[in-house]
Amino acid sequence: MEQFASWGLAQKANAWAGRNKPRWRDAEYDRLWRAAEREMDPVKRAALFIRMSDFVVQNGVVIPIVARNGANAVSNRLRCVDFSSWSGTLWKLAYWYREV
């Protein structure tokens, strides 16, 4: 989420190498980032990150357009099968085993 902080703006001064490529700036977002940086309670910190994520989506900085729909089927005797929309079907194949 730091890639949207104003201090990371891509600009001529840093040879356009800043992480904030869309060059979006918002003081409220920066305040949320600084608060998350200092927060030690993992639950409160996660809540701040969720707020930051919602903030960039609601302000049109990020337009979530990925939809990874799929269907998988597996025998009910196989264990440790864990499908992910972001990985291939066999990403955890080494851990699969059959219940006898």
N, C-alpha and C. Protein backbone atom coordinates (compact mmCIF):
# COMPACT_ATOMS: atom_id res chain seq x y z
N MET A 1 0.82 -1.21 0.00
CA MET A 1 0.00 0.00 0.00
C MET A 1 0.86 1.26 0.00
N GLU A 2 2.13 1.11 0.29
CA GLU A 2 3.00 2.30 0.30
C GLU A 2 3.15 2.90 -1.10
N GLN A 3 2.87 2.12 -2.12
CA GLN A 3 3.02 2.63 -3.48
C GLN A 3 2.09 3.79 -3.78
N PHE A 4 1.08 4.02 -2.95
CA PHE A 4 0.16 5.14 -3.17
C PHE A 4 0.45 6.33 -2.26
N ALA A 5 1.48 6.25 -1.44
CA ALA A 5 1.83 7.36 -0.55
C ALA A 5 2.42 8.51 -1.36
N SER A 6 2.14 9.72 -0.95
CA SER A 6 2.56 10.89 -1.73
C SER A 6 4.08 11.05 -1.80
N TRP A 7 4.83 10.58 -0.81
CA TRP A 7 6.27 10.73 -0.85
C TRP A 7 6.93 9.82 -1.89
N GLY A 8 6.16 8.92 -2.47
CA GLY A 8 6.70 8.02 -3.49
C GLY A 8 6.31 8.44 -4.91
N LEU A 9 5.89 9.69 -5.09
CA LEU A 9 5.47 10.15 -6.40
C LEU A 9 6.57 9.97 -7.44
N ALA A 10 6.22 9.46 -8.59
CA ALA A 10 7.15 9.40 -9.70
C ALA A 10 7.23 10.81 -10.28
N GLN A 11 8.42 11.38 -10.27
CA GLN A 11 8.59 12.75 -10.74
C GLN A 11 10.00 12.95 -11.29
N LYS A 12 10.21 14.07 -11.93
CA LYS A 12 11.50 14.32 -12.57
C LYS A 12 12.64 14.29 -11.56
N ALA A 13 12.41 14.76 -10.34
CA ALA A 13 13.46 14.82 -9.30
C ALA A 13 14.01 13.43 -8.95
N ASN A 14 13.20 12.39 -9.07
CA ASN A 14 13.69 11.04 -8.78
C ASN A 14 13.79 10.19 -10.06
N ALA A 15 13.97 10.87 -11.19
CA ALA A 15 14.11 10.24 -12.50
C ALA A 15 12.92 9.33 -12.82
N TRP A 16 11.74 9.75 -12.37
CA TRP A 16 10.50 9.03 -12.60
C TRP A 16 10.53 7.62 -12.03
N ALA A 17 11.34 7.42 -10.99
CA ALA A 17 11.51 6.09 -10.41
C ALA A 17 10.70 5.89 -9.13
N GLY A 18 9.88 6.82 -8.74
CA GLY A 18 9.06 6.64 -7.54
C GLY A 18 8.06 5.52 -7.72
N ARG A 19 7.61 4.95 -6.63
CA ARG A 19 6.67 3.82 -6.70
C ARG A 19 5.24 4.27 -6.98
N ASN A 20 4.93 5.52 -6.73
CA ASN A 20 3.58 6.04 -6.94
C ASN A 20 3.44 6.45 -8.42
N LYS A 21 3.29 5.45 -9.28
CA LYS A 21 3.23 5.68 -10.73
C LYS A 21 2.03 6.52 -11.17
N PRO A 22 0.85 6.34 -10.58
CA PRO A 22 -0.26 7.18 -11.02
C PRO A 22 -0.14 8.63 -10.52
N ARG A 23 0.85 8.89 -9.67
CA ARG A 23 1.11 10.23 -9.11
C ARG A 23 -0.11 10.79 -8.40
N TRP A 24 -0.80 9.92 -7.70
CA TRP A 24 -1.98 10.30 -6.91
C TRP A 24 -1.52 10.74 -5.54
N ARG A 25 -2.15 11.75 -5.00
CA ARG A 25 -1.78 12.28 -3.69
C ARG A 25 -3.02 12.60 -2.89
N ASP A 26 -3.02 12.17 -1.63
CA ASP A 26 -4.12 12.49 -0.73
C ASP A 26 -3.60 12.50 0.70
N ALA A 27 -3.85 13.58 1.42
CA ALA A 27 -3.35 13.74 2.79
C ALA A 27 -3.97 12.71 3.74
N GLU A 28 -5.23 12.38 3.54
CA GLU A 28 -5.90 11.40 4.40
C GLU A 28 -5.26 10.03 4.24
N TYR A 29 -4.94 9.65 3.01
CA TYR A 29 -4.30 8.37 2.76
C TYR A 29 -2.92 8.33 3.43
N ASP A 30 -2.16 9.41 3.29
CA ASP A 30 -0.84 9.49 3.93
C ASP A 30 -0.96 9.34 5.44
N ARG A 31 -2.01 9.96 6.02
CA ARG A 31 -2.23 9.86 7.46
C ARG A 31 -2.53 8.41 7.87
N LEU A 32 -3.34 7.72 7.06
CA LEU A 32 -3.64 6.31 7.34
C LEU A 32 -2.37 5.46 7.25
N TRP A 33 -1.53 5.73 6.27
CA TRP A 33 -0.29 4.95 6.12
C TRP A 33 0.62 5.16 7.32
N ARG A 34 0.79 6.40 7.73
CA ARG A 34 1.65 6.69 8.90
C ARG A 34 1.09 6.03 10.16
N ALA A 35 -0.22 6.03 10.32
CA ALA A 35 -0.84 5.39 11.48
C ALA A 35 -0.59 3.87 11.45
N ALA A 36 -0.72 3.27 10.28
CA ALA A 36 -0.48 1.82 10.14
C ALA A 36 0.98 1.48 10.39
N GLU A 37 1.86 2.37 10.01
CA GLU A 37 3.29 2.17 10.20
C GLU A 37 3.66 2.09 11.69
N ARG A 38 2.93 2.84 12.51
CA ARG A 38 3.22 2.88 13.95
C ARG A 38 2.40 1.89 14.78
N GLU A 39 1.31 1.39 14.19
CA GLU A 39 0.39 0.53 14.95
C GLU A 39 1.02 -0.85 15.21
N MET A 40 1.02 -1.26 16.47
CA MET A 40 1.61 -2.55 16.84
C MET A 40 0.57 -3.67 16.97
N ASP A 41 -0.68 -3.30 17.19
CA ASP A 41 -1.74 -4.30 17.31
C ASP A 41 -2.09 -4.80 15.90
N PRO A 42 -1.90 -6.09 15.62
CA PRO A 42 -2.12 -6.60 14.27
C PRO A 42 -3.57 -6.45 13.77
N VAL A 43 -4.53 -6.52 14.67
CA VAL A 43 -5.92 -6.38 14.26
C VAL A 43 -6.21 -4.94 13.84
N LYS A 44 -5.73 -3.98 14.65
CA LYS A 44 -5.92 -2.56 14.30
C LYS A 44 -5.16 -2.20 13.03
N ARG A 45 -3.96 -2.77 12.88
CA ARG A 45 -3.16 -2.49 11.69
C ARG A 45 -3.85 -3.04 10.44
N ALA A 46 -4.39 -4.24 10.54
CA ALA A 46 -5.12 -4.83 9.41
C ALA A 46 -6.31 -3.94 9.04
N ALA A 47 -7.00 -3.41 10.04
CA ALA A 47 -8.14 -2.53 9.78
C ALA A 47 -7.71 -1.27 9.03
N LEU A 48 -6.55 -0.74 9.39
CA LEU A 48 -6.03 0.44 8.69
C LEU A 48 -5.70 0.10 7.23
N PHE A 49 -5.12 -1.07 7.00
CA PHE A 49 -4.81 -1.47 5.63
C PHE A 49 -6.08 -1.69 4.81
N ILE A 50 -7.10 -2.22 5.44
CA ILE A 50 -8.38 -2.39 4.74
C ILE A 50 -8.96 -1.03 4.37
N ARG A 51 -8.87 -0.07 5.29
CA ARG A 51 -9.35 1.28 5.01
C ARG A 51 -8.56 1.92 3.87
N MET A 52 -7.23 1.70 3.85
CA MET A 52 -6.41 2.25 2.76
C MET A 52 -6.81 1.61 1.43
N SER A 53 -7.03 0.32 1.43
CA SER A 53 -7.43 -0.38 0.21
C SER A 53 -8.77 0.15 -0.30
N ASP A 54 -9.73 0.30 0.60
CA ASP A 54 -11.03 0.85 0.22
C ASP A 54 -10.87 2.27 -0.30
N PHE A 55 -9.99 3.03 0.31
CA PHE A 55 -9.78 4.43 -0.05
C PHE A 55 -9.30 4.57 -1.49
N VAL A 56 -8.32 3.76 -1.90
CA VAL A 56 -7.80 3.89 -3.28
C VAL A 56 -8.82 3.38 -4.30
N VAL A 57 -9.64 2.40 -3.92
CA VAL A 57 -10.67 1.91 -4.85
C VAL A 57 -11.78 2.94 -4.98
N GLN A 58 -12.24 3.49 -3.85
CA GLN A 58 -13.34 4.46 -3.88
C GLN A 58 -12.95 5.76 -4.57
N ASN A 59 -11.67 6.11 -4.56
CA ASN A 59 -11.21 7.33 -5.23
C ASN A 59 -10.78 7.08 -6.68
N GLY A 60 -10.97 5.89 -7.17
CA GLY A 60 -10.70 5.60 -8.57
C GLY A 60 -9.23 5.46 -8.92
N VAL A 61 -8.36 5.34 -7.92
CA VAL A 61 -6.94 5.16 -8.19
C VAL A 61 -6.68 3.75 -8.69
N VAL A 62 -7.37 2.79 -8.11
CA VAL A 62 -7.29 1.40 -8.52
C VAL A 62 -8.68 0.97 -8.93
N ILE A 63 -8.78 0.37 -10.09
CA ILE A 63 -10.06 -0.14 -10.56
C ILE A 63 -9.94 -1.65 -10.61
N PRO A 64 -10.52 -2.34 -9.62
CA PRO A 64 -10.40 -3.80 -9.58
C PRO A 64 -11.23 -4.45 -10.68
N ILE A 65 -10.55 -5.07 -11.63
CA ILE A 65 -11.27 -5.67 -12.76
C ILE A 65 -10.97 -7.16 -12.92
N VAL A 66 -10.21 -7.72 -12.02
CA VAL A 66 -9.85 -9.13 -12.15
C VAL A 66 -10.95 -10.00 -11.58
N ALA A 67 -11.39 -10.95 -12.36
CA ALA A 67 -12.34 -11.95 -11.90
C ALA A 67 -11.80 -13.29 -12.35
N ARG A 68 -11.37 -14.08 -11.41
CA ARG A 68 -10.79 -15.39 -11.73
C ARG A 68 -11.76 -16.49 -11.34
N ASN A 69 -12.73 -16.69 -12.18
CA ASN A 69 -13.72 -17.73 -11.92
C ASN A 69 -13.20 -19.06 -12.43
N GLY A 70 -13.53 -20.09 -11.74
CA GLY A 70 -13.13 -21.42 -12.17
C GLY A 70 -13.81 -22.46 -11.33
N ALA A 71 -13.79 -23.67 -11.82
CA ALA A 71 -14.39 -24.77 -11.08
C ALA A 71 -13.37 -25.90 -10.98
N ASN A 72 -13.23 -26.47 -9.82
CA ASN A 72 -12.33 -27.59 -9.59
C ASN A 72 -13.10 -28.70 -8.91
N ALA A 73 -12.71 -29.91 -9.21
CA ALA A 73 -13.33 -31.07 -8.56
C ALA A 73 -12.21 -32.01 -8.12
N VAL A 74 -12.44 -32.68 -7.01
CA VAL A 74 -11.43 -33.59 -6.48
C VAL A 74 -12.14 -34.70 -5.71
N SER A 75 -11.51 -35.83 -5.64
CA SER A 75 -12.06 -36.95 -4.89
C SER A 75 -12.19 -36.57 -3.42
N ASN A 76 -13.24 -37.06 -2.77
CA ASN A 76 -13.40 -36.76 -1.35
C ASN A 76 -12.44 -37.57 -0.48
N ARG A 77 -11.61 -38.42 -1.09
CA ARG A 77 -10.60 -39.17 -0.35
C ARG A 77 -9.24 -38.48 -0.37
N LEU A 78 -9.08 -37.45 -1.19
CA LEU A 78 -7.81 -36.72 -1.21
C LEU A 78 -7.80 -35.68 -0.09
N ARG A 79 -6.65 -35.52 0.53
CA ARG A 79 -6.48 -34.55 1.62
C ARG A 79 -5.39 -33.55 1.24
N CYS A 80 -5.40 -32.42 1.89
CA CYS A 80 -4.44 -31.32 1.70
C CYS A 80 -4.53 -30.74 0.29
N VAL A 81 -5.67 -30.82 -0.32
CA VAL A 81 -5.89 -30.19 -1.62
C VAL A 81 -6.41 -28.79 -1.35
N ASP A 82 -5.68 -27.82 -1.83
CA ASP A 82 -6.02 -26.43 -1.54
C ASP A 82 -5.96 -25.64 -2.84
N PHE A 83 -7.12 -25.34 -3.43
CA PHE A 83 -7.15 -24.62 -4.69
C PHE A 83 -7.08 -23.12 -4.45
N SER A 84 -6.45 -22.44 -5.37
CA SER A 84 -6.30 -20.99 -5.29
C SER A 84 -6.64 -20.39 -6.65
N SER A 85 -7.33 -19.26 -6.64
CA SER A 85 -7.63 -18.57 -7.90
C SER A 85 -6.39 -17.92 -8.50
N TRP A 86 -5.37 -17.75 -7.70
CA TRP A 86 -4.17 -17.04 -8.16
C TRP A 86 -3.06 -17.99 -8.58
N SER A 87 -3.18 -19.25 -8.28
CA SER A 87 -2.15 -20.22 -8.64
C SER A 87 -2.77 -21.30 -9.51
N GLY A 88 -1.92 -22.09 -10.10
CA GLY A 88 -2.41 -23.20 -10.90
C GLY A 88 -3.07 -24.25 -10.03
N THR A 89 -3.79 -25.15 -10.65
CA THR A 89 -4.52 -26.18 -9.93
C THR A 89 -3.59 -27.10 -9.14
N LEU A 90 -2.39 -27.31 -9.65
CA LEU A 90 -1.48 -28.27 -9.03
C LEU A 90 -0.40 -27.61 -8.17
N TRP A 91 -0.60 -26.40 -7.73
CA TRP A 91 0.45 -25.65 -7.03
C TRP A 91 0.89 -26.32 -5.74
N LYS A 92 0.05 -27.13 -5.14
CA LYS A 92 0.39 -27.77 -3.87
C LYS A 92 0.34 -29.30 -3.99
N LEU A 93 0.58 -29.79 -5.17
CA LEU A 93 0.47 -31.22 -5.46
C LEU A 93 1.36 -32.07 -4.56
N ALA A 94 2.52 -31.60 -4.21
CA ALA A 94 3.46 -32.38 -3.39
C ALA A 94 2.89 -32.73 -2.02
N TYR A 95 1.88 -32.00 -1.56
CA TYR A 95 1.30 -32.23 -0.24
C TYR A 95 0.03 -33.08 -0.27
N TRP A 96 -0.47 -33.37 -1.44
CA TRP A 96 -1.68 -34.18 -1.53
C TRP A 96 -1.41 -35.60 -1.07
N TYR A 97 -2.39 -36.18 -0.43
CA TYR A 97 -2.31 -37.60 -0.12
C TYR A 97 -3.71 -38.20 -0.10
N ARG A 98 -3.78 -39.50 -0.29
CA ARG A 98 -5.06 -40.18 -0.33
C ARG A 98 -5.34 -40.84 0.99
N GLU A 99 -6.52 -40.62 1.49
CA GLU A 99 -6.95 -41.23 2.74
C GLU A 99 -7.31 -42.69 2.45
N VAL A 100 -6.79 -43.58 3.25
CA VAL A 100 -7.02 -45.02 3.01
C VAL A 100 -8.20 -45.51 3.81
